[in-house]
Protein backbone atom coordinates (compact mmCIF):
# COMPACT_ATOMS: atom_id res chain seq x y z
CA MET A 1 -23.30 -9.33 -16.44
CA SER A 2 -21.91 -6.66 -18.53
CA PHE A 3 -22.22 -7.56 -22.19
CA HIS A 4 -20.54 -5.02 -24.83
CA LEU A 5 -21.10 -5.86 -28.43
CA ARG A 6 -17.51 -7.00 -30.44
CA PHE A 7 -17.90 -4.12 -33.58
CA GLY A 8 -19.32 -0.73 -33.77
CA ALA A 9 -19.66 2.32 -36.37
CA ASN A 10 -16.88 2.48 -37.47
CA ASP A 11 -16.20 -1.05 -38.66
CA VAL A 12 -18.09 -0.38 -41.13
CA ARG A 13 -17.35 1.60 -44.94
CA ILE A 14 -19.74 3.10 -47.20
CA LEU A 15 -18.71 2.85 -50.12
CA ASN A 16 -22.17 4.07 -51.61
CA ASP A 17 -25.10 5.75 -51.16
CA GLU A 18 -27.91 6.33 -53.49
CA ARG A 19 -31.42 7.63 -53.16
CA VAL A 20 -33.69 5.00 -55.12
CA PHE A 21 -37.56 6.17 -54.09
CA ASP A 22 -38.87 9.18 -52.58
CA GLY A 23 -42.19 9.79 -51.10
CA TYR A 24 -43.99 9.66 -48.15
CA PHE A 25 -41.42 7.12 -47.12
CA GLY A 26 -37.94 6.40 -48.59
CA VAL A 27 -35.40 3.94 -50.01
CA GLN A 28 -31.18 4.06 -49.89
CA LYS A 29 -30.01 2.02 -51.79
CA LEU A 30 -26.41 1.59 -50.15
CA THR A 31 -23.46 -0.07 -50.97
CA LEU A 32 -20.96 -1.24 -47.89
CA GLN A 33 -18.87 -2.95 -46.34
CA HIS A 34 -18.47 -4.48 -42.78
CA ARG A 35 -15.91 -5.61 -40.52
CA CYS A 36 -16.44 -9.81 -39.88
CA PHE A 37 -15.58 -11.39 -37.07
CA SER A 38 -12.97 -13.10 -38.34
CA GLY A 39 -10.84 -9.46 -38.78
CA ASN A 40 -11.69 -9.50 -42.30
CA TRP A 41 -14.00 -7.10 -44.14
CA SER A 42 -17.00 -8.66 -45.89
CA ALA A 43 -16.73 -7.92 -49.84
CA PRO A 44 -19.06 -4.97 -50.62
CA ILE A 45 -22.74 -6.00 -50.20
CA THR A 46 -25.75 -3.88 -52.04
CA ARG A 47 -28.94 -3.28 -49.61
CA GLU A 48 -32.27 -1.60 -50.02
CA VAL A 49 -33.13 -0.28 -46.55
CA PHE A 50 -36.43 1.84 -46.13
CA GLU A 51 -36.46 5.15 -44.39
CA ARG A 52 -39.49 5.82 -41.81
CA GLY A 53 -38.28 7.77 -39.50
CA ASP A 54 -38.10 7.13 -35.85
CA ALA A 55 -40.79 6.67 -33.80
CA VAL A 56 -42.12 7.30 -30.05
CA GLY A 57 -45.36 5.65 -28.41
CA VAL A 58 -47.19 5.67 -25.60
CA LEU A 59 -48.86 3.09 -23.59
CA PRO A 60 -51.47 4.76 -21.72
CA TYR A 61 -52.37 4.00 -18.18
CA GLU A 62 -55.21 4.77 -15.95
CA PRO A 63 -54.09 3.67 -12.58
CA GLU A 64 -57.73 4.74 -11.00
CA THR A 65 -59.48 2.25 -13.14
CA ASP A 66 -56.95 0.28 -13.41
CA SER A 67 -56.95 0.40 -16.99
CA LEU A 68 -55.69 1.05 -20.53
CA ILE A 69 -56.11 3.37 -23.32
CA LEU A 70 -55.65 1.39 -26.41
CA ILE A 71 -56.90 2.73 -29.72
CA GLU A 72 -58.51 0.49 -32.79
CA GLN A 73 -57.66 1.41 -36.27
CA PHE A 74 -57.34 -0.27 -40.31
CA ARG A 75 -54.03 -1.00 -41.17
CA ALA A 76 -52.59 -1.56 -44.84
CA GLY A 77 -49.85 -3.60 -43.55
CA SER A 78 -52.09 -6.29 -42.86
CA LEU A 79 -54.84 -6.59 -45.07
CA ARG A 80 -53.45 -10.43 -45.65
CA ASP A 81 -54.36 -11.20 -41.77
CA GLU A 82 -57.38 -13.97 -42.46
CA GLN A 83 -59.25 -12.73 -39.30
CA SER A 84 -58.87 -8.72 -39.91
CA PRO A 85 -56.80 -5.29 -41.07
CA TRP A 86 -57.71 -3.34 -37.90
CA MET A 87 -55.93 -3.70 -34.99
CA LEU A 88 -55.88 -2.72 -31.20
CA GLU A 89 -52.55 -0.63 -29.90
CA LEU A 90 -51.27 1.73 -27.84
CA ILE A 91 -50.80 5.94 -29.59
CA ALA A 92 -47.74 5.92 -32.00
CA GLY A 93 -46.35 8.97 -34.38
CA ILE A 94 -43.31 10.00 -36.38
CA VAL A 95 -41.25 12.21 -34.47
CA GLU A 96 -40.43 14.96 -37.25
CA PRO A 97 -36.77 16.51 -37.49
CA GLY A 98 -36.42 19.57 -34.56
CA GLU A 99 -39.30 17.31 -32.26
CA SER A 100 -38.49 15.98 -28.87
CA ASP A 101 -40.44 12.55 -28.03
CA GLU A 102 -42.54 13.92 -25.31
CA SER A 103 -44.69 16.86 -27.89
CA VAL A 104 -44.64 14.30 -29.89
CA VAL A 105 -46.64 11.81 -27.78
CA ARG A 106 -48.78 14.43 -26.22
CA ARG A 107 -49.34 16.02 -29.46
CA GLU A 108 -50.63 11.97 -31.19
CA SER A 109 -52.29 11.79 -27.75
CA ARG A 110 -55.00 14.30 -28.16
CA GLU A 111 -55.52 14.15 -31.72
CA GLU A 112 -55.97 10.24 -31.46
CA ALA A 113 -57.75 9.50 -28.17
CA GLY A 114 -58.36 13.29 -26.92
CA CYS A 115 -56.14 12.35 -24.10
CA GLU A 116 -54.36 14.23 -21.86
CA LEU A 117 -51.22 12.77 -20.09
CA ASP A 118 -49.82 13.51 -16.82
CA GLU A 119 -46.89 11.94 -15.79
CA LEU A 120 -44.03 9.58 -18.88
CA VAL A 121 -42.12 6.54 -17.65
CA PRO A 122 -39.81 5.21 -20.63
CA ILE A 123 -40.70 1.67 -21.69
CA ALA A 124 -37.74 0.80 -24.41
CA THR A 125 -35.67 2.12 -27.31
CA TYR A 126 -35.13 -0.76 -29.84
CA TYR A 127 -34.87 -1.30 -33.99
CA PRO A 128 -38.34 -2.85 -35.13
CA SER A 129 -37.10 -4.27 -38.20
CA ALA A 130 -33.27 -3.53 -38.26
CA GLY A 131 -32.31 -5.91 -41.80
CA ALA A 132 -34.43 -4.07 -43.76
CA CYS A 133 -35.78 -0.15 -41.72
CA THR A 134 -33.45 2.54 -39.80
CA GLU A 135 -36.67 3.15 -37.94
CA HIS A 136 -35.81 3.41 -34.47
CA VAL A 137 -38.74 2.95 -31.81
CA ARG A 138 -38.98 5.00 -28.47
CA LEU A 139 -41.71 3.35 -25.96
CA PHE A 140 -43.13 5.45 -23.43
CA CYS A 141 -45.85 4.73 -20.83
CA GLY A 142 -47.94 7.83 -19.52
CA ARG A 143 -50.46 8.33 -16.46
CA VAL A 144 -54.07 9.35 -17.75
CA LEU A 145 -55.99 12.15 -16.74
CA SER A 146 -58.57 11.84 -19.03
CA ALA A 147 -59.26 10.37 -22.37
CA ALA A 148 -62.04 10.38 -24.62
CA VAL A 149 -63.34 6.52 -24.29
CA GLY A 150 -65.90 5.96 -27.02
CA GLU A 151 -65.99 8.40 -29.55
CA VAL A 152 -63.97 8.22 -32.46
CA LEU A 153 -61.27 10.21 -33.73
CA GLY A 154 -58.44 11.21 -35.70
CA LEU A 155 -57.33 13.68 -37.97
CA ALA A 156 -59.52 14.00 -41.48
CA GLU A 157 -57.04 15.03 -43.69
CA GLU A 158 -54.32 12.09 -42.81
CA GLY A 159 -57.40 9.30 -43.46
CA GLU A 160 -57.40 7.80 -39.47
CA ASP A 161 -60.60 6.69 -38.35
CA ILE A 162 -59.82 6.05 -35.19
CA LEU A 163 -61.97 4.03 -32.18
CA VAL A 164 -60.84 4.72 -28.44
CA HIS A 165 -61.27 2.08 -25.82
CA ARG A 166 -61.40 1.48 -22.07
CA ILE A 167 -59.95 -1.85 -21.06
CA SER A 168 -58.90 -2.67 -17.77
CA ARG A 169 -55.62 -4.56 -17.10
CA SER A 170 -56.62 -7.78 -16.12
CA GLY A 171 -58.74 -7.80 -19.74
CA VAL A 172 -55.85 -5.95 -21.83
CA LEU A 173 -52.94 -8.93 -20.22
CA ASP A 174 -55.46 -11.79 -21.38
CA LEU A 175 -56.02 -10.82 -24.82
CA LEU A 176 -52.34 -10.61 -24.75
CA GLN A 177 -51.92 -14.36 -23.15
CA ARG A 178 -54.26 -15.55 -25.70
CA ASN A 179 -51.95 -14.05 -28.62
CA GLN A 180 -54.69 -11.39 -29.90
CA ILE A 181 -52.29 -8.63 -29.49
CA ASN A 182 -50.26 -8.04 -33.22
CA ASN A 183 -48.90 -5.15 -33.19
CA GLY A 184 -45.40 -5.67 -32.81
CA HIS A 185 -45.03 -2.08 -30.48
CA THR A 186 -48.09 -2.90 -28.58
CA LEU A 187 -47.05 -6.00 -27.51
CA VAL A 188 -43.37 -4.71 -26.87
CA ALA A 189 -44.95 -2.78 -24.62
CA LEU A 190 -47.53 -4.93 -23.11
CA GLN A 191 -44.94 -7.71 -21.82
CA TRP A 192 -43.23 -4.07 -20.40
CA PHE A 193 -46.60 -3.33 -18.58
CA ALA A 194 -47.59 -7.09 -17.55
CA LEU A 195 -43.77 -7.14 -15.24
CA HIS A 196 -44.04 -3.63 -13.97
CA GLY A 197 -47.87 -2.25 -13.86
CA GLU A 198 -48.70 -3.73 -10.13
CA ARG A 199 -45.70 -1.73 -9.32
CA LEU A 200 -46.46 1.28 -11.44
CA ARG A 201 -50.48 1.35 -9.88
CA ASP A 202 -48.75 1.01 -6.28
CA ALA A 203 -46.77 4.52 -6.77
CA TRP A 204 -49.50 6.18 -9.22
CA THR A 205 -52.18 5.52 -6.78
CA ARG A 206 -50.13 6.66 -3.46
CA GLY A 207 -49.32 9.53 -5.71
CA ILE A 208 -52.83 10.54 -5.85
CA ALA A 209 -53.77 10.21 -2.36
CA GLU A 210 -50.97 12.00 -1.42
CA SER A 211 -51.97 15.46 -3.87
């Protein structure tokens, strides 16, 4: 089935754009109008938008052991969690100007998990919180060549303290089923993997046998 959104980028008027905070992240204050479904223009509205930068994430999969490489680290944004502010996640990083998605994926994989990857398969692209944040996320699944399982990695200058795990596919999908994965990027990737993991394993193990 084909579906087309009613409006596009030309159906928004930016009346004012002001930088109101500039730190590790930024905040823009926008005054704008947008086209309404009635065909009229909206009254001017004001929104503060969080400028986080675009990000990429990779779900490393090891077909030989039918396992995933996931990392565990502290997240300040989840301090309110009653169980723990530590999360089990895929590998992710912010894409700086001039960087390619693939180069960031491979760099972050080495820094966060001592992980070398071969083939990358696209999973999804999306805006995780478009009502308030400009961040656009691109997710991949990567074929693992090696990983620093059981080691603690990360960049000290960035305050990173990251524990590397290897968890079987059945174990990870069980965690997903029991609602024990509470990170959005990881949820999206694992839902995709639940649908495509068997096909991917077949394809990549055939490749191993043929090499």
